[in-house]
Amino acid sequence: MSGDRLRSMLPEGLPGNESDRKTGLLLMTPLTGDPICFDACYANMPNVKILTYPDKFLLQPTAPLENIDGQVQRMIDEMAKTMYLAPGIGLASIQVGWDRSVLVYDIASRDERRDLHVLINPRIVSSEGDIISDNEGCLSVPDFRADVKRSERILVEGLDREGRPLRVEAEGLHAIVLQHEIDHLNGRLFIDRISALKRELYKRRVRKAIRENEAAV
């Protein structure tokens, strides 16, 4: 999910040298919560390409992740790096070409420490209320935003990155982000939740841009 609402990715007042602050990105160690430099964490990690509409892979529902091994942990870290650099506040595995059910997100505001969350095989087990997600955006649907109707409160079950069962009660922005990313895991984009007219206008704009790019080559 696009991170324009939380544009600054550097919490103020955290330690770090001048080069760290210029990078604008800090992460927290998962066990202690101590601040560590983003570059130190991810310096040798490759960037992962974010797929964008109309890539058909985005419409493919993911399969459950059965085995959490070292390769999975590295992929989760690559997803986190990609999300922060985008910048975004959520990213689903299908958006980076991985067809297993994993998402990462961080909705911490600029004056809070980084707070990376990982959900494996998440599913919404209950929801209630309605809320309008105003000006919702997506890293896989660039240059387009729209209001989307979402559930105000949800309960999500899944696993953490170590395979432990997890239940997440979320409301407001937290609920919106989880619904957005779980939609991705189910092969659904946020533009599938807007009016047919707005969706078609966006698709026409994308098709026109593709034709112009092809003609320019």
Protein backbone atom coordinates (compact mmCIF):
# COMPACT_ATOMS: atom_id res chain seq x y z
CA MET A 1 0.00 0.00 0.00
CA SER A 2 1.24 3.45 -0.88
CA GLY A 3 2.74 5.39 2.02
CA ASP A 4 1.89 8.99 1.18
CA ARG A 5 -0.01 9.34 4.44
CA LEU A 6 3.15 8.53 6.34
CA ARG A 7 5.68 9.99 3.95
CA SER A 8 8.62 10.44 6.32
CA MET A 9 10.28 7.12 7.05
CA LEU A 10 12.73 8.48 9.65
CA PRO A 11 11.38 8.78 13.20
CA GLU A 12 12.71 11.96 14.75
CA GLY A 13 14.97 11.73 17.78
CA LEU A 14 16.36 8.25 17.14
CA PRO A 15 20.10 7.69 17.26
CA GLY A 16 22.16 7.34 14.11
CA ASN A 17 25.08 9.04 12.45
CA GLU A 18 24.76 11.75 9.81
CA SER A 19 24.81 9.31 6.89
CA ASP A 20 22.10 7.22 8.57
CA ARG A 21 19.90 10.29 8.93
CA LYS A 22 20.43 11.24 5.30
CA THR A 23 19.27 7.77 4.31
CA GLY A 24 16.04 8.55 6.12
CA LEU A 25 15.36 4.96 7.06
CA LEU A 26 15.74 3.13 10.35
CA LEU A 27 14.47 -0.28 11.37
CA MET A 28 14.04 -1.85 14.78
CA THR A 29 15.59 -5.16 15.70
CA PRO A 30 12.67 -7.61 16.01
CA LEU A 31 13.56 -8.90 19.48
CA THR A 32 14.86 -5.88 21.37
CA GLY A 33 13.36 -2.94 19.53
CA ASP A 34 16.76 -1.25 19.51
CA PRO A 35 17.32 1.13 16.58
CA ILE A 36 19.59 -0.09 13.84
CA CYS A 37 20.57 1.60 10.61
CA PHE A 38 18.55 0.57 7.58
CA ASP A 39 21.69 0.50 5.44
CA ALA A 40 23.46 -1.81 7.90
CA CYS A 41 20.53 -4.22 7.79
CA TYR A 42 19.97 -4.27 4.06
CA ALA A 43 23.20 -3.04 2.43
CA ASN A 44 23.90 -6.37 0.72
CA MET A 45 20.29 -7.23 0.00
CA PRO A 46 19.02 -6.95 -3.59
CA ASN A 47 16.13 -4.69 -4.44
CA VAL A 48 12.94 -6.52 -5.37
CA LYS A 49 10.90 -5.23 -8.28
CA ILE A 50 7.30 -4.28 -7.50
CA LEU A 51 4.92 -5.55 -10.18
CA THR A 52 2.43 -3.00 -11.48
CA TYR A 53 -0.90 -3.15 -13.27
CA PRO A 54 -1.61 -4.60 -15.84
CA ASP A 55 0.75 -7.45 -14.90
CA LYS A 56 -1.53 -10.50 -14.79
CA PHE A 57 0.50 -12.10 -12.00
CA LEU A 58 -1.13 -9.61 -9.62
CA LEU A 59 -4.50 -11.25 -10.31
CA GLN A 60 -3.29 -14.66 -9.16
CA PRO A 61 -4.38 -15.75 -5.66
CA THR A 62 -1.48 -16.88 -3.51
CA ALA A 63 -1.06 -20.34 -2.03
CA PRO A 64 -0.48 -20.97 1.69
CA LEU A 65 3.14 -20.93 2.82
CA GLU A 66 3.91 -24.36 4.23
CA ASN A 67 7.58 -24.20 5.23
CA ILE A 68 9.22 -21.22 6.94
CA ASP A 69 12.95 -21.56 6.33
CA GLY A 70 15.96 -19.30 5.88
CA GLN A 71 15.05 -18.52 2.29
CA VAL A 72 11.61 -17.34 3.43
CA GLN A 73 13.21 -15.12 6.09
CA ARG A 74 15.45 -13.54 3.47
CA MET A 75 12.48 -12.93 1.19
CA ILE A 76 10.57 -11.28 4.05
CA ASP A 77 13.54 -8.99 4.67
CA GLU A 78 13.70 -8.14 0.96
CA MET A 79 9.99 -7.30 1.01
CA ALA A 80 10.50 -5.05 4.03
CA LYS A 81 13.39 -3.23 2.34
CA THR A 82 11.34 -2.76 -0.82
CA MET A 83 8.35 -1.45 1.12
CA TYR A 84 10.40 1.12 3.06
CA LEU A 85 12.27 2.33 -0.01
CA ALA A 86 9.11 2.69 -2.14
CA PRO A 87 8.03 4.23 0.31
CA GLY A 88 4.95 2.33 1.40
CA ILE A 89 3.18 1.17 4.53
CA GLY A 90 2.32 -2.32 3.33
CA LEU A 91 3.42 -4.87 0.73
CA ALA A 92 2.10 -8.29 -0.25
CA SER A 93 4.23 -11.11 -1.60
CA ILE A 94 2.34 -11.31 -4.90
CA GLN A 95 3.43 -7.72 -5.62
CA VAL A 96 7.06 -8.87 -5.82
CA GLY A 97 6.38 -12.01 -7.82
CA TRP A 98 6.14 -14.47 -4.93
CA ASP A 99 3.00 -16.61 -5.02
CA ARG A 100 2.89 -17.55 -1.33
CA SER A 101 0.70 -15.88 1.26
CA VAL A 102 2.89 -13.34 3.10
CA LEU A 103 2.52 -9.64 3.82
CA VAL A 104 4.54 -7.00 5.63
CA TYR A 105 3.40 -3.64 6.93
CA ASP A 106 4.40 -0.73 9.15
CA ILE A 107 1.92 2.03 9.97
CA ALA A 108 4.08 3.78 12.57
CA SER A 109 3.94 7.55 12.18
CA ARG A 110 7.03 9.69 11.71
CA ASP A 111 7.39 10.43 15.42
CA GLU A 112 7.36 6.74 16.35
CA ARG A 113 9.93 3.99 15.98
CA ARG A 114 9.77 1.67 13.01
CA ASP A 115 7.41 -1.19 13.77
CA LEU A 116 7.61 -3.88 11.09
CA HIS A 117 4.89 -6.54 11.18
CA VAL A 118 4.83 -9.78 9.22
CA LEU A 119 1.78 -11.96 8.62
CA ILE A 120 1.93 -15.38 7.00
CA ASN A 121 -1.22 -17.04 5.63
CA PRO A 122 -3.46 -14.26 6.98
CA ARG A 123 -7.21 -14.46 6.76
CA ILE A 124 -9.97 -12.16 7.93
CA VAL A 125 -12.20 -14.12 10.30
CA SER A 126 -14.61 -11.32 11.24
CA SER A 127 -15.37 -7.74 10.34
CA GLU A 128 -17.79 -5.03 11.38
CA GLY A 129 -18.70 -1.47 10.56
CA ASP A 130 -17.90 0.56 7.46
CA ILE A 131 -15.26 3.20 6.82
CA ILE A 132 -14.22 5.13 3.73
CA SER A 133 -10.51 4.83 3.02
CA ASP A 134 -10.04 8.24 1.49
CA ASN A 135 -7.50 8.71 -1.26
CA GLU A 136 -6.29 5.10 -1.05
CA GLY A 137 -3.29 4.25 -3.19
CA CYS A 138 -1.21 1.25 -4.11
CA LEU A 139 2.41 0.63 -5.07
CA SER A 140 1.17 -1.69 -7.83
CA VAL A 141 -1.31 0.86 -9.19
CA PRO A 142 0.93 3.92 -9.65
CA ASP A 143 -0.33 7.47 -10.14
CA PHE A 144 -3.89 6.72 -9.10
CA ARG A 145 -5.83 7.19 -5.87
CA ALA A 146 -9.48 6.75 -4.98
CA ASP A 147 -11.87 6.47 -2.06
CA VAL A 148 -12.58 2.85 -1.13
CA LYS A 149 -15.20 1.40 1.19
CA ARG A 150 -13.64 -0.87 3.82
CA SER A 151 -14.63 -2.56 7.06
CA GLU A 152 -13.91 -0.38 10.07
CA ARG A 153 -12.80 -3.21 12.36
CA ILE A 154 -11.47 -6.66 11.51
CA LEU A 155 -10.01 -9.72 13.20
CA VAL A 156 -7.19 -11.43 11.33
CA GLU A 157 -5.64 -14.80 12.06
CA GLY A 158 -2.34 -16.05 10.68
CA LEU A 159 1.24 -16.80 11.64
CA ASP A 160 4.16 -14.56 12.54
CA ARG A 161 7.49 -14.91 10.75
CA GLU A 162 8.55 -17.67 13.15
CA GLY A 163 5.41 -19.70 12.47
CA ARG A 164 3.64 -18.88 15.74
CA PRO A 165 -0.17 -18.45 15.61
CA LEU A 166 -1.22 -14.81 15.63
CA ARG A 167 -4.51 -12.95 16.06
CA VAL A 168 -4.66 -9.29 15.13
CA GLU A 169 -7.54 -7.00 16.07
CA ALA A 170 -7.37 -3.92 13.86
CA GLU A 171 -9.41 -0.80 13.27
CA GLY A 172 -9.09 2.40 11.28
CA LEU A 173 -5.90 2.72 9.22
CA HIS A 174 -4.57 -0.56 10.64
CA ALA A 175 -7.68 -2.38 9.37
CA ILE A 176 -7.52 -0.62 6.00
CA VAL A 177 -3.90 -1.63 5.41
CA LEU A 178 -4.54 -5.26 6.32
CA GLN A 179 -7.61 -5.44 4.08
CA HIS A 180 -5.67 -3.86 1.21
CA GLU A 181 -2.78 -6.34 1.49
CA ILE A 182 -4.99 -9.39 2.04
CA ASP A 183 -6.91 -8.38 -1.08
CA HIS A 184 -3.59 -8.61 -2.94
CA LEU A 185 -3.02 -12.12 -1.58
CA ASN A 186 -6.45 -13.05 -2.94
CA GLY A 187 -5.63 -11.68 -6.38
CA ARG A 188 -7.63 -8.48 -5.99
CA LEU A 189 -6.54 -4.86 -6.53
CA PHE A 190 -8.06 -1.86 -4.82
CA ILE A 191 -9.32 -0.62 -8.19
CA ASP A 192 -11.60 -3.67 -8.20
CA ARG A 193 -13.45 -2.00 -5.32
CA ILE A 194 -14.16 1.32 -7.03
CA SER A 195 -16.82 2.20 -9.62
CA ALA A 196 -16.60 0.59 -13.04
CA LEU A 197 -16.32 4.05 -14.63
CA LYS A 198 -13.32 5.14 -12.52
CA ARG A 199 -11.68 1.76 -13.03
CA GLU A 200 -12.10 1.92 -16.81
CA LEU A 201 -10.74 5.48 -16.97
CA TYR A 202 -7.62 4.33 -15.16
CA LYS A 203 -7.22 1.30 -17.43
CA ARG A 204 -7.52 3.50 -20.51
CA ARG A 205 -4.83 5.81 -19.16
CA VAL A 206 -2.52 2.84 -18.55
CA ARG A 207 -3.14 1.42 -22.03
CA LYS A 208 -2.41 4.83 -23.56
CA ALA A 209 0.84 5.14 -21.60
CA ILE A 210 1.92 1.67 -22.72
CA ARG A 211 1.24 2.53 -26.38
CA GLU A 212 3.18 5.79 -26.07
CA ASN A 213 6.13 4.01 -24.46
CA GLU A 214 6.16 1.34 -27.17
CA ALA A 215 6.03 3.99 -29.89
CA ALA A 216 8.94 5.84 -28.31
CA VAL A 217 11.21 2.78 -28.40
